[in-house]
Amino acid sequence: MNFISIDFETANDNLLSACALGVVEFENSTMRSENHLLINPPYFQRRLKEENYNIHKIPYDLYSKSSSFKAVWSNLTNDMENIIKPGTVFICFNAIFDVSVLTNLLNKYNLSRDFLFYDPMEVAKNLWPNRKSYSLKNISNDLGIELDHHNPVSDANAAGILSLKQLEETGSSSFDELLDNCGLQMIKTDTKNKFFINHYGNKVEVARNFQDIRKK
């Protein structure tokens, strides 16, 4: 099973303010590589909100000296060919956040392209309907998945491992098979038009800020 798991951290509520990206590549169900990438947000979205810092502990002086998302993404796609390979499945926990961040950034820098996503949080709600919490922290703790929460590489890795455990528990040979058995479908993005089709087949406009996500 090959896939790429990602996780963004933001400097503030604006979803263009991504200041870090964790990328973990899995090959044959085993972690092949991991990247912790700092991002310098666009000038007007660069401010660091105290609440966000308290979550991810990435200081302004660190991410503001890094490269723009355009440069970071260009280097990443050059180093990791599966990112631009058609049909690659991307994993992210609580997809509306990371898909919205990615879509906003791709549009900002005219890097429009589309992706397939699998969200282990939404799948968990279908596989384990009686859980009290569907947070990555609580699920990881219950399943014995190592997690340094809000370290983007650790979050991405945990989401990838969780997805593999969901495959194992259901006896599925692919994410498509697992989703089909749950009556779900792969998340499909329409970057140019700023929306995605979620696991339930619903069209969802990408959020521009964190408050929009709470409303959805």
C-alpha atoms as a PDB file:
ATOM      1  CA  MET A   1       0.000   0.000   0.000  1.00  0.00           C
ATOM      2  CA  ASN A   2       1.556   3.280  -1.164  1.00  0.00           C
ATOM      3  CA  PHE A   3       0.311   6.718  -0.099  1.00  0.00           C
ATOM      4  CA  ILE A   4       1.403  10.108   1.241  1.00  0.00           C
ATOM      5  CA  SER A   5       0.218  11.508   4.567  1.00  0.00           C
ATOM      6  CA  ILE A   6       0.304  15.273   5.196  1.00  0.00           C
ATOM      7  CA  ASP A   7      -0.385  17.728   7.996  1.00  0.00           C
ATOM      8  CA  PHE A   8      -0.291  21.541   8.045  1.00  0.00           C
ATOM      9  CA  GLU A   9       0.198  23.923  10.953  1.00  0.00           C
ATOM     10  CA  THR A  10      -0.882  27.571  10.620  1.00  0.00           C
ATOM     11  CA  ALA A  11       0.366  30.803  12.152  1.00  0.00           C
ATOM     12  CA  ASN A  12      -3.138  32.195  12.683  1.00  0.00           C
ATOM     13  CA  ASP A  13      -6.779  31.627  11.726  1.00  0.00           C
ATOM     14  CA  ASN A  14      -6.257  32.501   8.067  1.00  0.00           C
ATOM     15  CA  LEU A  15      -5.681  29.271   6.145  1.00  0.00           C
ATOM     16  CA  LEU A  16      -3.100  30.947   3.908  1.00  0.00           C
ATOM     17  CA  SER A  17      -0.929  31.284   7.005  1.00  0.00           C
ATOM     18  CA  ALA A  18       0.536  27.765   6.821  1.00  0.00           C
ATOM     19  CA  CYS A  19       3.882  27.892   8.601  1.00  0.00           C
ATOM     20  CA  ALA A  20       4.780  24.206   8.599  1.00  0.00           C
ATOM     21  CA  LEU A  21       4.027  21.066   6.623  1.00  0.00           C
ATOM     22  CA  GLY A  22       4.666  17.473   7.611  1.00  0.00           C
ATOM     23  CA  VAL A  23       4.896  14.968   4.767  1.00  0.00           C
ATOM     24  CA  VAL A  24       5.314  11.231   5.333  1.00  0.00           C
ATOM     25  CA  GLU A  25       5.566   8.862   2.389  1.00  0.00           C
ATOM     26  CA  PHE A  26       4.503   5.237   2.865  1.00  0.00           C
ATOM     27  CA  GLU A  27       5.622   2.490   0.506  1.00  0.00           C
ATOM     28  CA  ASN A  28       4.358  -1.080   0.874  1.00  0.00           C
ATOM     29  CA  SER A  29       2.631   0.039   4.095  1.00  0.00           C
ATOM     30  CA  THR A  30       5.940   1.142   5.629  1.00  0.00           C
ATOM     31  CA  MET A  31       7.231   4.664   6.148  1.00  0.00           C
ATOM     32  CA  ARG A  32       9.719   5.413   3.369  1.00  0.00           C
ATOM     33  CA  SER A  33      10.531   9.055   4.098  1.00  0.00           C
ATOM     34  CA  GLU A  34       9.481  12.009   6.202  1.00  0.00           C
ATOM     35  CA  ASN A  35       9.844  15.758   5.754  1.00  0.00           C
ATOM     36  CA  HIS A  36       9.303  18.589   8.235  1.00  0.00           C
ATOM     37  CA  LEU A  37       9.073  21.753   6.147  1.00  0.00           C
ATOM     38  CA  LEU A  38       8.788  25.315   7.420  1.00  0.00           C
ATOM     39  CA  ILE A  39       6.810  27.781   5.293  1.00  0.00           C
ATOM     40  CA  ASN A  40       6.966  31.559   5.182  1.00  0.00           C
ATOM     41  CA  PRO A  41       3.322  32.681   4.728  1.00  0.00           C
ATOM     42  CA  PRO A  42       2.338  35.550   2.407  1.00  0.00           C
ATOM     43  CA  TYR A  43       3.153  38.925   3.973  1.00  0.00           C
ATOM     44  CA  PHE A  44      -0.373  39.830   5.115  1.00  0.00           C
ATOM     45  CA  GLN A  45      -0.968  36.362   6.605  1.00  0.00           C
ATOM     46  CA  ARG A  46       2.378  36.075   8.394  1.00  0.00           C
ATOM     47  CA  ARG A  47       1.346  37.247  11.885  1.00  0.00           C
ATOM     48  CA  LEU A  48       1.687  34.647  14.629  1.00  0.00           C
ATOM     49  CA  LYS A  49      -1.340  34.256  16.867  1.00  0.00           C
ATOM     50  CA  GLU A  50      -0.525  33.342  20.457  1.00  0.00           C
ATOM     51  CA  GLU A  51      -3.123  30.565  20.502  1.00  0.00           C
ATOM     52  CA  ASN A  52      -1.546  28.928  17.445  1.00  0.00           C
ATOM     53  CA  TYR A  53       1.951  29.205  18.890  1.00  0.00           C
ATOM     54  CA  ASN A  54       0.761  27.562  22.093  1.00  0.00           C
ATOM     55  CA  ILE A  55      -0.416  24.627  19.987  1.00  0.00           C
ATOM     56  CA  HIS A  56       2.532  23.994  17.676  1.00  0.00           C
ATOM     57  CA  LYS A  57       5.380  25.957  19.363  1.00  0.00           C
ATOM     58  CA  ILE A  58       6.807  27.209  16.051  1.00  0.00           C
ATOM     59  CA  PRO A  59       8.167  30.762  16.627  1.00  0.00           C
ATOM     60  CA  TYR A  60       7.743  33.593  14.158  1.00  0.00           C
ATOM     61  CA  ASP A  61      11.496  34.106  13.874  1.00  0.00           C
ATOM     62  CA  LEU A  62      11.853  30.529  12.647  1.00  0.00           C
ATOM     63  CA  TYR A  63       9.135  30.192  10.008  1.00  0.00           C
ATOM     64  CA  SER A  64       9.432  33.799   8.749  1.00  0.00           C
ATOM     65  CA  LYS A  65      12.990  33.078   7.607  1.00  0.00           C
ATOM     66  CA  SER A  66      11.961  30.065   5.565  1.00  0.00           C
ATOM     67  CA  SER A  67      10.848  29.842   1.918  1.00  0.00           C
ATOM     68  CA  SER A  68       7.411  30.524   0.493  1.00  0.00           C
ATOM     69  CA  PHE A  69       4.974  27.682  -0.069  1.00  0.00           C
ATOM     70  CA  LYS A  70       5.627  27.918  -3.806  1.00  0.00           C
ATOM     71  CA  ALA A  71       9.318  27.201  -3.310  1.00  0.00           C
ATOM     72  CA  VAL A  72       8.705  24.557  -0.653  1.00  0.00           C
ATOM     73  CA  TRP A  73       6.151  22.763  -2.831  1.00  0.00           C
ATOM     74  CA  SER A  74       8.403  22.934  -5.893  1.00  0.00           C
ATOM     75  CA  ASN A  75      11.299  21.346  -4.012  1.00  0.00           C
ATOM     76  CA  LEU A  76       9.018  18.727  -2.517  1.00  0.00           C
ATOM     77  CA  THR A  77       7.533  17.682  -5.854  1.00  0.00           C
ATOM     78  CA  ASN A  78      11.029  17.448  -7.338  1.00  0.00           C
ATOM     79  CA  ASP A  79      12.172  15.186  -4.501  1.00  0.00           C
ATOM     80  CA  MET A  80       9.018  13.064  -4.178  1.00  0.00           C
ATOM     81  CA  GLU A  81       7.632  12.010  -7.551  1.00  0.00           C
ATOM     82  CA  ASN A  82       4.538  10.342  -6.083  1.00  0.00           C
ATOM     83  CA  ILE A  83       3.161  13.770  -5.122  1.00  0.00           C
ATOM     84  CA  ILE A  84       2.506  14.538  -8.782  1.00  0.00           C
ATOM     85  CA  LYS A  85       1.727  10.966  -9.822  1.00  0.00           C
ATOM     86  CA  PRO A  86      -1.941  10.580 -10.905  1.00  0.00           C
ATOM     87  CA  GLY A  87      -3.924   8.384  -8.536  1.00  0.00           C
ATOM     88  CA  THR A  88      -1.733   8.934  -5.477  1.00  0.00           C
ATOM     89  CA  VAL A  89      -3.855   8.847  -2.332  1.00  0.00           C
ATOM     90  CA  PHE A  90      -3.168  11.532   0.276  1.00  0.00           C
ATOM     91  CA  ILE A  91      -4.030  10.955   3.922  1.00  0.00           C
ATOM     92  CA  CYS A  92      -4.980  13.752   6.272  1.00  0.00           C
ATOM     93  CA  PHE A  93      -6.814  13.680   9.568  1.00  0.00           C
ATOM     94  CA  ASN A  94      -9.808  16.049   9.582  1.00  0.00           C
ATOM     95  CA  ALA A  95      -9.567  16.665   5.856  1.00  0.00           C
ATOM     96  CA  ILE A  96     -11.550  19.891   5.701  1.00  0.00           C
ATOM     97  CA  PHE A  97      -8.660  21.702   7.393  1.00  0.00           C
ATOM     98  CA  ASP A  98      -5.689  20.397   5.429  1.00  0.00           C
ATOM     99  CA  VAL A  99      -7.529  20.238   2.101  1.00  0.00           C
ATOM    100  CA  SER A 100      -8.644  23.845   2.574  1.00  0.00           C
ATOM    101  CA  VAL A 101      -5.119  24.989   3.477  1.00  0.00           C
ATOM    102  CA  LEU A 102      -3.617  23.199   0.480  1.00  0.00           C
ATOM    103  CA  THR A 103      -6.270  24.451  -1.954  1.00  0.00           C
ATOM    104  CA  ASN A 104      -5.901  28.059  -0.801  1.00  0.00           C
ATOM    105  CA  LEU A 105      -2.134  27.892  -1.186  1.00  0.00           C
ATOM    106  CA  LEU A 106      -2.227  26.220  -4.594  1.00  0.00           C
ATOM    107  CA  ASN A 107      -4.570  28.919  -5.852  1.00  0.00           C
ATOM    108  CA  LYS A 108      -2.515  31.700  -4.282  1.00  0.00           C
ATOM    109  CA  TYR A 109       0.583  30.597  -6.185  1.00  0.00           C
ATOM    110  CA  ASN A 110      -1.159  29.432  -9.387  1.00  0.00           C
ATOM    111  CA  LEU A 111      -0.195  25.803  -8.830  1.00  0.00           C
ATOM    112  CA  SER A 112      -3.646  24.387  -9.519  1.00  0.00           C
ATOM    113  CA  ARG A 113      -3.983  20.613  -9.605  1.00  0.00           C
ATOM    114  CA  ASP A 114      -6.315  18.063  -8.021  1.00  0.00           C
ATOM    115  CA  PHE A 115      -5.870  15.304  -5.471  1.00  0.00           C
ATOM    116  CA  LEU A 116      -7.499  12.241  -3.927  1.00  0.00           C
ATOM    117  CA  PHE A 117      -7.787  12.267  -0.142  1.00  0.00           C
ATOM    118  CA  TYR A 118      -8.659   9.729   2.535  1.00  0.00           C
ATOM    119  CA  ASP A 119      -9.654  11.052   5.962  1.00  0.00           C
ATOM    120  CA  PRO A 120      -9.165   8.474   8.755  1.00  0.00           C
ATOM    121  CA  MET A 121     -11.194  10.662  11.150  1.00  0.00           C
ATOM    122  CA  GLU A 122     -14.360  10.412   9.052  1.00  0.00           C
ATOM    123  CA  VAL A 123     -13.734   6.722   8.441  1.00  0.00           C
ATOM    124  CA  ALA A 124     -13.308   6.194  12.193  1.00  0.00           C
ATOM    125  CA  LYS A 125     -16.779   7.652  12.760  1.00  0.00           C
ATOM    126  CA  ASN A 126     -18.179   4.925  10.510  1.00  0.00           C
ATOM    127  CA  LEU A 127     -16.057   2.053  11.824  1.00  0.00           C
ATOM    128  CA  TRP A 128     -16.312   2.927  15.521  1.00  0.00           C
ATOM    129  CA  PRO A 129     -19.625   4.814  15.921  1.00  0.00           C
ATOM    130  CA  ASN A 130     -19.764   4.701  19.714  1.00  0.00           C
ATOM    131  CA  ARG A 131     -16.501   6.450  20.518  1.00  0.00           C
ATOM    132  CA  LYS A 132     -16.696   9.468  22.840  1.00  0.00           C
ATOM    133  CA  SER A 133     -13.863  11.235  21.019  1.00  0.00           C
ATOM    134  CA  TYR A 134     -12.566  11.185  17.457  1.00  0.00           C
ATOM    135  CA  SER A 135      -9.520  13.362  18.073  1.00  0.00           C
ATOM    136  CA  LEU A 136      -6.217  12.120  16.686  1.00  0.00           C
ATOM    137  CA  LYS A 137      -4.732  12.262  20.175  1.00  0.00           C
ATOM    138  CA  ASN A 138      -7.387  10.059  21.767  1.00  0.00           C
ATOM    139  CA  ILE A 139      -7.594   7.535  18.920  1.00  0.00           C
ATOM    140  CA  SER A 140      -3.798   7.275  18.777  1.00  0.00           C
ATOM    141  CA  ASN A 141      -3.645   6.738  22.531  1.00  0.00           C
ATOM    142  CA  ASP A 142      -6.290   3.995  22.394  1.00  0.00           C
ATOM    143  CA  LEU A 143      -4.598   2.197  19.488  1.00  0.00           C
ATOM    144  CA  GLY A 144      -1.048   2.558  20.786  1.00  0.00           C
ATOM    145  CA  ILE A 145       0.090   4.880  17.986  1.00  0.00           C
ATOM    146  CA  GLU A 146       3.050   7.056  18.934  1.00  0.00           C
ATOM    147  CA  LEU A 147       2.173  10.746  18.668  1.00  0.00           C
ATOM    148  CA  ASP A 148       3.840  14.068  19.431  1.00  0.00           C
ATOM    149  CA  HIS A 149       0.650  16.013  18.831  1.00  0.00           C
ATOM    150  CA  HIS A 150       0.867  19.107  16.586  1.00  0.00           C
ATOM    151  CA  ASN A 151       4.327  18.197  15.397  1.00  0.00           C
ATOM    152  CA  PRO A 152       3.257  18.045  11.735  1.00  0.00           C
ATOM    153  CA  VAL A 153       5.449  15.043  10.863  1.00  0.00           C
ATOM    154  CA  SER A 154       4.224  13.117  13.895  1.00  0.00           C
ATOM    155  CA  ASP A 155       0.593  13.986  13.136  1.00  0.00           C
ATOM    156  CA  ALA A 156       1.001  12.938   9.495  1.00  0.00           C
ATOM    157  CA  ASN A 157       2.711   9.701  10.501  1.00  0.00           C
ATOM    158  CA  ALA A 158       0.025   8.882  13.078  1.00  0.00           C
ATOM    159  CA  ALA A 159      -2.729   9.516  10.509  1.00  0.00           C
ATOM    160  CA  GLY A 160      -0.973   7.186   8.084  1.00  0.00           C
ATOM    161  CA  ILE A 161      -0.592   4.428  10.663  1.00  0.00           C
ATOM    162  CA  LEU A 162      -4.228   4.861  11.730  1.00  0.00           C
ATOM    163  CA  SER A 163      -5.299   4.456   8.104  1.00  0.00           C
ATOM    164  CA  LEU A 164      -3.317   1.207   7.848  1.00  0.00           C
ATOM    165  CA  LYS A 165      -4.943  -0.063  11.045  1.00  0.00           C
ATOM    166  CA  GLN A 166      -8.364   0.682   9.531  1.00  0.00           C
ATOM    167  CA  LEU A 167      -7.434  -1.350   6.466  1.00  0.00           C
ATOM    168  CA  GLU A 168      -6.242  -4.200   8.678  1.00  0.00           C
ATOM    169  CA  GLU A 169      -9.331  -4.202  10.894  1.00  0.00           C
ATOM    170  CA  THR A 170     -11.706  -4.314   7.928  1.00  0.00           C
ATOM    171  CA  GLY A 171      -9.633  -6.791   5.918  1.00  0.00           C
ATOM    172  CA  SER A 172      -9.583  -4.325   3.016  1.00  0.00           C
ATOM    173  CA  SER A 173      -6.896  -4.492   0.348  1.00  0.00           C
ATOM    174  CA  SER A 174      -7.223  -0.822  -0.617  1.00  0.00           C
ATOM    175  CA  PHE A 175      -8.673   2.455   0.593  1.00  0.00           C
ATOM    176  CA  ASP A 176     -11.206   2.344  -2.232  1.00  0.00           C
ATOM    177  CA  GLU A 177     -12.444  -1.054  -1.040  1.00  0.00           C
ATOM    178  CA  LEU A 178     -12.679   0.103   2.576  1.00  0.00           C
ATOM    179  CA  LEU A 179     -14.594   3.238   1.624  1.00  0.00           C
ATOM    180  CA  ASP A 180     -16.932   1.338  -0.660  1.00  0.00           C
ATOM    181  CA  ASN A 181     -17.771  -1.122   2.128  1.00  0.00           C
ATOM    182  CA  CYS A 182     -18.621   1.858   4.370  1.00  0.00           C
ATOM    183  CA  GLY A 183     -20.783   3.503   1.701  1.00  0.00           C
ATOM    184  CA  LEU A 184     -18.221   6.278   1.288  1.00  0.00           C
ATOM    185  CA  GLN A 185     -16.100   7.572  -1.593  1.00  0.00           C
ATOM    186  CA  MET A 186     -12.651   9.070  -1.988  1.00  0.00           C
ATOM    187  CA  ILE A 187     -12.420  12.815  -1.391  1.00  0.00           C
ATOM    188  CA  LYS A 188     -11.792  14.577  -4.696  1.00  0.00           C
ATOM    189  CA  THR A 189     -10.607  18.160  -4.940  1.00  0.00           C
ATOM    190  CA  ASP A 190     -11.439  20.798  -7.526  1.00  0.00           C
ATOM    191  CA  THR A 191      -8.645  23.224  -6.765  1.00  0.00           C
ATOM    192  CA  LYS A 192      -9.404  25.718  -9.508  1.00  0.00           C
ATOM    193  CA  ASN A 193     -13.013  26.152  -8.375  1.00  0.00           C
ATOM    194  CA  LYS A 194     -12.130  25.991  -4.662  1.00  0.00           C
ATOM    195  CA  PHE A 195     -14.260  23.070  -3.553  1.00  0.00           C
ATOM    196  CA  PHE A 196     -13.994  19.355  -2.893  1.00  0.00           C
ATOM    197  CA  ILE A 197     -16.339  16.375  -2.921  1.00  0.00           C
ATOM    198  CA  ASN A 198     -16.233  14.785   0.525  1.00  0.00           C
ATOM    199  CA  HIS A 199     -16.465  11.139   1.584  1.00  0.00           C
ATOM    200  CA  TYR A 200     -20.278  11.386   1.518  1.00  0.00           C
ATOM    201  CA  GLY A 201     -20.460  12.721  -2.031  1.00  0.00           C
ATOM    202  CA  ASN A 202     -21.269  16.270  -0.928  1.00  0.00           C
ATOM    203  CA  LYS A 203     -19.768  19.366  -2.523  1.00  0.00           C
ATOM    204  CA  VAL A 204     -17.943  21.433   0.116  1.00  0.00           C
ATOM    205  CA  GLU A 205     -16.465  24.867  -0.505  1.00  0.00           C
ATOM    206  CA  VAL A 206     -12.957  25.162   0.878  1.00  0.00           C
ATOM    207  CA  ALA A 207     -12.689  27.217   4.032  1.00  0.00           C
ATOM    208  CA  ARG A 208     -10.709  30.481   4.033  1.00  0.00           C
ATOM    209  CA  ASN A 209     -10.229  30.685   7.782  1.00  0.00           C
ATOM    210  CA  PHE A 210     -10.601  28.561  10.885  1.00  0.00           C
ATOM    211  CA  GLN A 211     -13.995  30.060  11.772  1.00  0.00           C
ATOM    212  CA  ASP A 212     -15.386  28.780   8.462  1.00  0.00           C
ATOM    213  CA  ILE A 213     -14.355  25.244   9.407  1.00  0.00           C
ATOM    214  CA  ARG A 214     -16.204  25.469  12.694  1.00  0.00           C
ATOM    215  CA  LYS A 215     -19.357  26.514  10.834  1.00  0.00           C
ATOM    216  CA  LYS A 216     -19.100  23.526   8.497  1.00  0.00           C
END
